Every structure is written in C-alpha cells, then in structure tokens.
Amino acid sequence: MNISVLVADASHTKFAQAICDEIAISAKERGTGIAKRTPEYISEKMLAGKAVIAVTDDDRFAGFSYIESWEGKQFVANSGLIVAHEFRGIGLAKSIKQRIFRLSRELYPAAKIFSITTGAAVLKMNYELGFRPVAFQDLTHDTEFWKGCEGCKNFHILEENKYERCICTGLLFDPKEHIRINVE
C-alpha cells in the first residue's frame, strides 16, 4: 500500500469528521487534552491550503496536521498532528511533520514556528527540524491560542502558573537562527 503525504485541498474535506474523531480518541488514550476542532474548522484549513494530509492509494485517511498563525503571522503553530491507528509505527508522523514544517516555511518564511507537547516522539521530530526548547513567554501571547489548552486535563496547572509553564514543553523554530551562509 502506498501513502501520499500532500497539501490538503477541497477533495479531502470528506475526511474532516474522521480527523476530528481520531484526534479526540487519541487525546483520551493519552490522558491529555487537545484543542478540540470541528469538521468545519478542519475543512477550512484544507480549503485555505494550510493543512497536510496522508491518504492511502485506496483513498483512506491515514494522517493529518494543519497550520495556524498568530500575532499578525509572526508566529505559526503546526497543530493537530495525528496518525490513524492502523497506520502508526511506520514513520508516517515524521513524514507529515516534515511536510507541514516545509509548508509553514513556504507560506510564512519569516514566522517563528512553535509547538507545545508532552510527547517524546514529537519532541524528537521537532529537534531534528531545528526547534529548541523555550519558556512559554517566548511563544505567542495571543490569548486565542492558549484557549486551545482549555480542553486539557492539566489546564489548571497552566492557569495557576499564569500561562508561563505547564507540563508541556514549548518548542520554537526561529528562522533567524537558521540563516545559511554560502561560502565559495
């Protein structure tokens, strides 16, 4: 079976409910929360060209991630990374993460890309892409982003710490730290 990882478009909106369901199931299994998204929200991301989807050659949803921008496009979050249960353990998450990262750099070349996670696999993938751990104050200050944490069972920790720390690790890719110098 072949799986294609590509920028989602209108033809993929039929998978929006399955994506939302998989995100909810996975969050429950991990015992953490995740920003709840509606099928309409997921579809909007696809229609705007701000999502990556993994689809099998027999047209089944295998994985997904999307982009959200904050503070006038100064910050970009790669969010909602999910792999359907039957496709886990084959390296698909890494392929999706690499493609959503490239898409973020293409659409927002000057933006800082960030992530918050408790997952070791996501930490490793982000490190390999050049992310570094940072304090939450180095991430977006947009209150709408932090509202996404309200569905997490640990949200009270974030609130008690005035949105400065929680059990998640904040990760940041700052393009200014990755300037390439060509030397002949």
Protein backbone atom coordinates (compact mmCIF):
# COMPACT_ATOMS: atom_id res chain seq x y z
CA MET A 1 0.00 0.00 0.00
CA ASN A 2 1.23 3.47 -0.86
CA ILE A 3 0.53 6.52 1.28
CA SER A 4 0.82 10.01 -0.16
CA VAL A 5 1.57 12.98 2.10
CA LEU A 6 0.37 16.15 0.41
CA VAL A 7 -1.11 19.58 0.90
CA ALA A 8 -4.82 19.04 1.52
CA ASP A 9 -7.43 20.58 -0.75
CA ALA A 10 -11.20 20.54 -1.29
CA SER A 11 -11.17 16.88 -2.29
CA HIS A 12 -10.03 15.96 1.23
CA THR A 13 -12.78 17.69 3.21
CA LYS A 14 -14.69 14.39 3.24
CA PHE A 15 -12.15 13.23 5.86
CA ALA A 16 -12.75 16.14 8.28
CA GLN A 17 -15.03 14.21 10.65
CA ALA A 18 -12.69 11.18 10.72
CA ILE A 19 -9.78 13.51 11.56
CA CYS A 20 -11.71 15.10 14.43
CA ASP A 21 -12.72 11.67 15.72
CA GLU A 22 -9.14 10.36 15.60
CA ILE A 23 -7.82 13.43 17.43
CA ALA A 24 -10.43 13.02 20.19
CA ILE A 25 -9.80 9.28 20.60
CA SER A 26 -6.04 9.77 20.73
CA ALA A 27 -6.25 12.57 23.28
CA LYS A 28 -8.41 10.38 25.51
CA GLU A 29 -5.99 7.46 25.19
CA ARG A 30 -3.02 9.67 26.14
CA GLY A 31 -4.92 11.13 29.06
CA THR A 32 -4.31 14.66 27.88
CA GLY A 33 -6.43 17.23 26.22
CA ILE A 34 -6.01 18.74 22.83
CA ALA A 35 -7.61 21.72 21.22
CA LYS A 36 -10.99 20.49 20.05
CA ARG A 37 -11.68 21.31 16.42
CA THR A 38 -14.84 20.94 14.41
CA PRO A 39 -15.05 19.30 10.98
CA GLU A 40 -15.86 22.75 9.61
CA TYR A 41 -12.63 24.17 11.07
CA ILE A 42 -10.58 21.28 9.65
CA SER A 43 -12.25 21.76 6.25
CA GLU A 44 -11.44 25.49 6.31
CA LYS A 45 -7.76 24.67 6.82
CA MET A 46 -7.86 22.30 3.85
CA LEU A 47 -9.61 24.80 1.61
CA ALA A 48 -7.08 27.50 2.56
CA GLY A 49 -4.10 25.29 1.69
CA LYS A 50 -2.97 25.27 5.33
CA ALA A 51 -3.13 21.54 6.01
CA VAL A 52 -1.26 18.39 5.14
CA ILE A 53 -2.99 15.04 4.80
CA ALA A 54 -1.77 11.50 4.36
CA VAL A 55 -4.02 9.42 2.13
CA THR A 56 -3.71 5.79 1.04
CA ASP A 57 -3.81 4.79 -2.61
CA ASP A 58 -7.28 3.31 -1.93
CA ASP A 59 -8.43 6.74 -0.64
CA ARG A 60 -8.38 6.30 3.14
CA PHE A 61 -7.32 8.94 5.64
CA ALA A 62 -4.01 7.97 7.29
CA GLY A 63 -2.79 11.18 8.97
CA PHE A 64 -3.12 14.94 9.20
CA SER A 65 -1.72 18.25 10.50
CA TYR A 66 -2.59 21.91 9.99
CA ILE A 67 -1.14 25.41 10.33
CA GLU A 68 -2.47 28.25 12.44
CA SER A 69 -0.92 31.72 12.52
CA TRP A 70 -0.86 34.12 15.47
CA GLU A 71 0.08 37.74 16.23
CA GLY A 72 -0.13 39.04 12.68
CA LYS A 73 1.64 35.97 11.23
CA GLN A 74 4.71 36.46 13.43
CA PHE A 75 4.11 33.02 14.96
CA VAL A 76 2.91 29.84 13.31
CA ALA A 77 1.85 26.66 15.07
CA ASN A 78 1.93 23.25 13.43
CA SER A 79 -1.07 21.67 15.12
CA GLY A 80 -3.30 18.65 15.18
CA LEU A 81 -0.65 16.13 14.14
CA ILE A 82 -2.45 12.80 14.09
CA VAL A 83 -1.92 9.39 12.53
CA ALA A 84 -4.84 6.99 12.25
CA HIS A 85 -4.35 3.97 14.50
CA GLU A 86 -3.91 1.42 11.73
CA PHE A 87 -1.04 3.44 10.21
CA ARG A 88 1.01 4.03 13.34
CA GLY A 89 4.54 2.74 13.74
CA ILE A 90 5.61 3.14 10.10
CA GLY A 91 7.15 6.62 10.28
CA LEU A 92 4.14 8.42 8.89
CA ALA A 93 4.03 11.06 11.66
CA LYS A 94 7.57 12.11 10.77
CA SER A 95 6.67 12.46 7.08
CA ILE A 96 3.61 14.55 7.95
CA LYS A 97 5.62 16.69 10.38
CA GLN A 98 8.32 17.34 7.77
CA ARG A 99 5.74 18.32 5.15
CA ILE A 100 3.75 20.63 7.44
CA PHE A 101 7.02 22.25 8.52
CA ARG A 102 8.01 22.85 4.87
CA LEU A 103 4.55 24.24 4.12
CA SER A 104 4.83 26.59 7.10
CA ARG A 105 8.19 27.85 5.84
CA GLU A 106 6.77 28.32 2.33
CA LEU A 107 3.67 30.23 3.47
CA TYR A 108 5.28 32.14 6.36
CA PRO A 109 9.05 32.33 5.71
CA ALA A 110 9.73 34.95 8.40
CA ALA A 111 7.46 33.48 11.10
CA LYS A 112 8.64 31.70 14.20
CA ILE A 113 7.18 28.19 14.23
CA PHE A 114 6.22 26.77 17.60
CA SER A 115 4.81 23.71 19.22
CA ILE A 116 3.83 22.61 22.70
CA THR A 117 3.81 18.93 23.52
CA THR A 118 4.21 16.26 26.16
CA GLY A 119 5.03 13.59 23.57
CA ALA A 120 8.59 12.29 23.27
CA ALA A 121 8.13 11.45 19.59
CA VAL A 122 7.01 15.00 18.75
CA LEU A 123 9.89 16.42 20.77
CA LYS A 124 12.35 14.30 18.79
CA MET A 125 10.83 15.26 15.43
CA ASN A 126 10.93 18.94 16.34
CA TYR A 127 14.56 18.76 17.50
CA GLU A 128 15.51 17.15 14.18
CA LEU A 129 13.90 20.07 12.34
CA GLY A 130 15.84 22.66 14.34
CA PHE A 131 13.38 23.53 17.10
CA ARG A 132 14.72 24.29 20.57
CA PRO A 133 13.00 24.21 23.95
CA VAL A 134 11.86 27.62 25.20
CA ALA A 135 9.88 29.14 28.04
CA PHE A 136 6.22 29.78 27.29
CA GLN A 137 6.82 33.54 27.35
CA ASP A 138 8.86 33.07 24.15
CA LEU A 139 5.78 31.71 22.38
CA THR A 140 2.75 33.61 21.15
CA HIS A 141 0.96 35.83 23.65
CA ASP A 142 -2.31 35.57 21.71
CA THR A 143 -4.98 34.55 24.21
CA GLU A 144 -6.87 32.67 21.48
CA PHE A 145 -4.01 30.18 21.17
CA TRP A 146 -4.00 29.44 24.90
CA LYS A 147 -7.77 28.90 24.87
CA GLY A 148 -6.98 25.73 22.92
CA CYS A 149 -5.42 24.33 26.10
CA GLU A 150 -8.73 24.55 27.98
CA GLY A 151 -9.66 21.01 26.91
CA CYS A 152 -6.58 19.55 28.59
CA LYS A 153 -6.94 17.94 32.00
CA ASN A 154 -3.80 19.87 33.06
CA PHE A 155 -5.20 23.29 32.12
CA HIS A 156 -5.44 24.23 35.80
CA ILE A 157 -1.63 23.95 36.02
CA LEU A 158 -1.23 26.42 33.16
CA GLU A 159 -3.71 28.81 34.78
CA GLU A 160 -2.11 28.52 38.21
CA ASN A 161 1.24 29.41 36.65
CA LYS A 162 -0.18 32.43 34.81
CA TYR A 163 0.35 30.79 31.41
CA GLU A 164 4.13 30.72 31.96
CA ARG A 165 4.58 26.96 32.36
CA CYS A 166 2.76 23.65 32.40
CA ILE A 167 3.69 20.02 31.87
CA CYS A 168 4.07 20.60 28.12
CA THR A 169 7.39 21.59 26.62
CA GLY A 170 7.42 24.72 24.48
CA LEU A 171 9.46 24.39 21.29
CA LEU A 172 10.43 27.12 18.85
CA PHE A 173 11.98 27.30 15.39
CA ASP A 174 13.21 30.82 14.75
CA PRO A 175 14.24 31.24 11.10
CA LYS A 176 16.71 33.96 12.12
CA GLU A 177 18.70 31.28 13.94
CA HIS A 178 18.97 29.18 10.77
CA ILE A 179 20.50 31.57 8.25
CA ARG A 180 22.52 29.80 5.60
CA ILE A 181 25.80 31.32 4.53
CA ASN A 182 27.19 30.28 1.16
CA VAL A 183 30.97 30.26 1.08
CA GLU A 184 32.88 29.50 -2.07
